[in-house]
C-alpha atoms as a PDB file:
ATOM      1  CA  ARG A   1       0.200  -0.075  -0.073  1.00  0.00           C
ATOM      2  CA  ILE A   2       2.032   2.895   1.114  1.00  0.00           C
ATOM      3  CA  HIS A   3       4.843   1.514  -2.088  1.00  0.00           C
ATOM      4  CA  CYS A   4       1.225   2.952  -4.473  1.00  0.00           C
ATOM      5  CA  LEU A   5       1.330   5.808  -2.124  1.00  0.00           C
ATOM      6  CA  LEU A   6       4.878   7.119  -2.764  1.00  0.00           C
ATOM      7  CA  ALA A   7       3.859   6.317  -6.249  1.00  0.00           C
ATOM      8  CA  LEU A   8       0.554   8.911  -6.324  1.00  0.00           C
ATOM      9  CA  ALA A   9       2.868  11.335  -5.397  1.00  0.00           C
ATOM     10  CA  HIS A  10       4.791  11.200  -7.096  1.00  0.00           C
ATOM     11  CA  ILE A  11       2.587  11.326 -10.502  1.00  0.00           C
ATOM     12  CA  ALA A  12       0.996  14.298  -8.975  1.00  0.00           C
ATOM     13  CA  SER A  13       4.357  16.035  -8.153  1.00  0.00           C
ATOM     14  CA  ARG A  14       5.704  15.468 -11.774  1.00  0.00           C
ATOM     15  CA  THR A  15       1.900  16.075 -12.944  1.00  0.00           C
ATOM     16  CA  ASP A  16      -0.174  19.498 -13.558  1.00  0.00           C
ATOM     17  CA  LEU A  17      -3.700  17.658 -12.064  1.00  0.00           C
ATOM     18  CA  ALA A  18      -4.838  21.429 -12.240  1.00  0.00           C
ATOM     19  CA  ALA A  19      -4.701  21.215 -15.805  1.00  0.00           C
ATOM     20  CA  PHE A  20      -7.125  18.126 -16.032  1.00  0.00           C
ATOM     21  CA  ALA A  21     -10.465  19.523 -18.034  1.00  0.00           C
ATOM     22  CA  LEU A  22     -13.353  16.880 -16.268  1.00  0.00           C
ATOM     23  CA  THR A  23     -14.600  17.772 -19.765  1.00  0.00           C
ATOM     24  CA  GLY A  24     -13.676  16.303 -22.095  1.00  0.00           C
ATOM     25  CA  PRO A  25     -11.767  13.062 -23.437  1.00  0.00           C
ATOM     26  CA  PRO A  26      -8.988  12.264 -20.772  1.00  0.00           C
ATOM     27  CA  ALA A  27      -5.670  13.322 -21.312  1.00  0.00           C
ATOM     28  CA  ASP A  28      -2.608  10.780 -21.036  1.00  0.00           C
ATOM     29  CA  ALA A  29      -1.495  12.345 -18.044  1.00  0.00           C
ATOM     30  CA  GLU A  30      -4.542  11.793 -16.170  1.00  0.00           C
ATOM     31  CA  ARG A  31      -4.530   7.700 -17.810  1.00  0.00           C
ATOM     32  CA  HIS A  32      -1.848   6.795 -16.203  1.00  0.00           C
ATOM     33  CA  LEU A  33      -2.068   8.982 -12.643  1.00  0.00           C
ATOM     34  CA  GLY A  34      -6.012   6.963 -12.615  1.00  0.00           C
ATOM     35  CA  THR A  35      -3.859   3.510 -13.376  1.00  0.00           C
ATOM     36  CA  MET A  36      -2.507   4.068 -10.059  1.00  0.00           C
ATOM     37  CA  LEU A  37      -5.386   4.764  -8.159  1.00  0.00           C
ATOM     38  CA  GLY A  38      -6.989   1.293  -9.850  1.00  0.00           C
ATOM     39  CA  GLN A  39      -3.893   0.131  -8.398  1.00  0.00           C
ATOM     40  CA  ALA A  40      -3.943   1.447  -5.240  1.00  0.00           C
ATOM     41  CA  PHE A  41      -7.524   1.030  -4.495  1.00  0.00           C
ATOM     42  CA  HIS A  42      -6.806  -2.298  -4.965  1.00  0.00           C
ATOM     43  CA  GLN A  43      -4.637  -2.327  -2.809  1.00  0.00           C
ATOM     44  CA  GLY A  44      -6.637  -1.776  -0.701  1.00  0.00           C
ATOM     45  CA  CYS A  45      -5.418   2.596   0.557  1.00  0.00           C
ATOM     46  CA  SER A  46      -7.833   4.159   1.455  1.00  0.00           C
ATOM     47  CA  LEU A  47      -9.029   7.309  -0.385  1.00  0.00           C
ATOM     48  CA  ALA A  48      -8.446   9.655   2.343  1.00  0.00           C
ATOM     49  CA  ASP A  49      -5.300   8.386   1.857  1.00  0.00           C
ATOM     50  CA  VAL A  50      -4.979   8.610  -1.863  1.00  0.00           C
ATOM     51  CA  ALA A  51      -6.768  12.517  -1.868  1.00  0.00           C
ATOM     52  CA  PHE A  52      -3.294  12.873   0.811  1.00  0.00           C
ATOM     53  CA  ALA A  53      -0.997  11.555  -0.966  1.00  0.00           C
ATOM     54  CA  THR A  54      -2.177  13.095  -4.337  1.00  0.00           C
ATOM     55  CA  GLY A  55      -3.644  16.230  -2.687  1.00  0.00           C
ATOM     56  CA  LEU A  56      -6.151  17.007  -4.678  1.00  0.00           C
ATOM     57  CA  PRO A  57      -9.739  16.616  -2.759  1.00  0.00           C
ATOM     58  CA  ALA A  58     -12.040  13.492  -2.371  1.00  0.00           C
ATOM     59  CA  GLU A  59     -14.334  14.150  -4.613  1.00  0.00           C
ATOM     60  CA  ARG A  60     -11.720  14.712  -7.614  1.00  0.00           C
ATOM     61  CA  VAL A  61      -9.857  11.637  -7.063  1.00  0.00           C
ATOM     62  CA  VAL A  62     -13.623  10.420  -7.517  1.00  0.00           C
ATOM     63  CA  ALA A  63     -14.470  12.133 -11.124  1.00  0.00           C
ATOM     64  CA  ILE A  64     -10.571  11.326 -12.444  1.00  0.00           C
ATOM     65  CA  GLY A  65     -11.277   7.451 -10.938  1.00  0.00           C
ATOM     66  CA  LYS A  66     -14.579   7.212 -12.821  1.00  0.00           C
ATOM     67  CA  ARG A  67     -13.282   8.845 -15.374  1.00  0.00           C
ATOM     68  CA  THR A  68     -10.208   5.911 -16.843  1.00  0.00           C
ATOM     69  CA  ILE A  69     -10.702   3.392 -14.385  1.00  0.00           C
ATOM     70  CA  ARG A  70     -12.461   0.437 -15.950  1.00  0.00           C
ATOM     71  CA  ARG A  71     -13.135  -1.804 -12.886  1.00  0.00           C
ATOM     72  CA  THR A  72     -16.147  -0.644 -10.971  1.00  0.00           C
ATOM     73  CA  LYS A  73     -15.808  -2.034  -7.917  1.00  0.00           C
ATOM     74  CA  TRP A  74     -13.324   0.232  -6.904  1.00  0.00           C
ATOM     75  CA  LEU A  75     -15.832   2.889  -6.345  1.00  0.00           C
ATOM     76  CA  SER A  76     -18.084   0.283  -3.754  1.00  0.00           C
ATOM     77  CA  ARG A  77     -15.029  -0.840  -1.902  1.00  0.00           C
ATOM     78  CA  ILE A  78     -14.798   3.428  -1.548  1.00  0.00           C
ATOM     79  CA  ALA A  79     -17.956   4.240  -0.360  1.00  0.00           C
ATOM     80  CA  ASP A  80     -18.079   1.282   2.321  1.00  0.00           C
ATOM     81  CA  GLN A  81     -15.239   3.356   4.399  1.00  0.00           C
ATOM     82  CA  ALA A  82     -17.543   6.328   4.816  1.00  0.00           C
END
């Protein structure tokens, strides 16, 4: 889990997260972040941990995840944490 969070923090620090336009198709950087989000949730990281690692609000993490993560169980898994 820690490895996933460290990877997310690294990606977030090297990516302009504010430039993600959630209205158009996801850019390559957003897809890459989404892949790492999916990995972190698959490993059991909480939404709070992922939000902290990326520096994004939880709502933005969920919005990016909905656009980039193919599997749907991650969303119900993090909803159970609330």
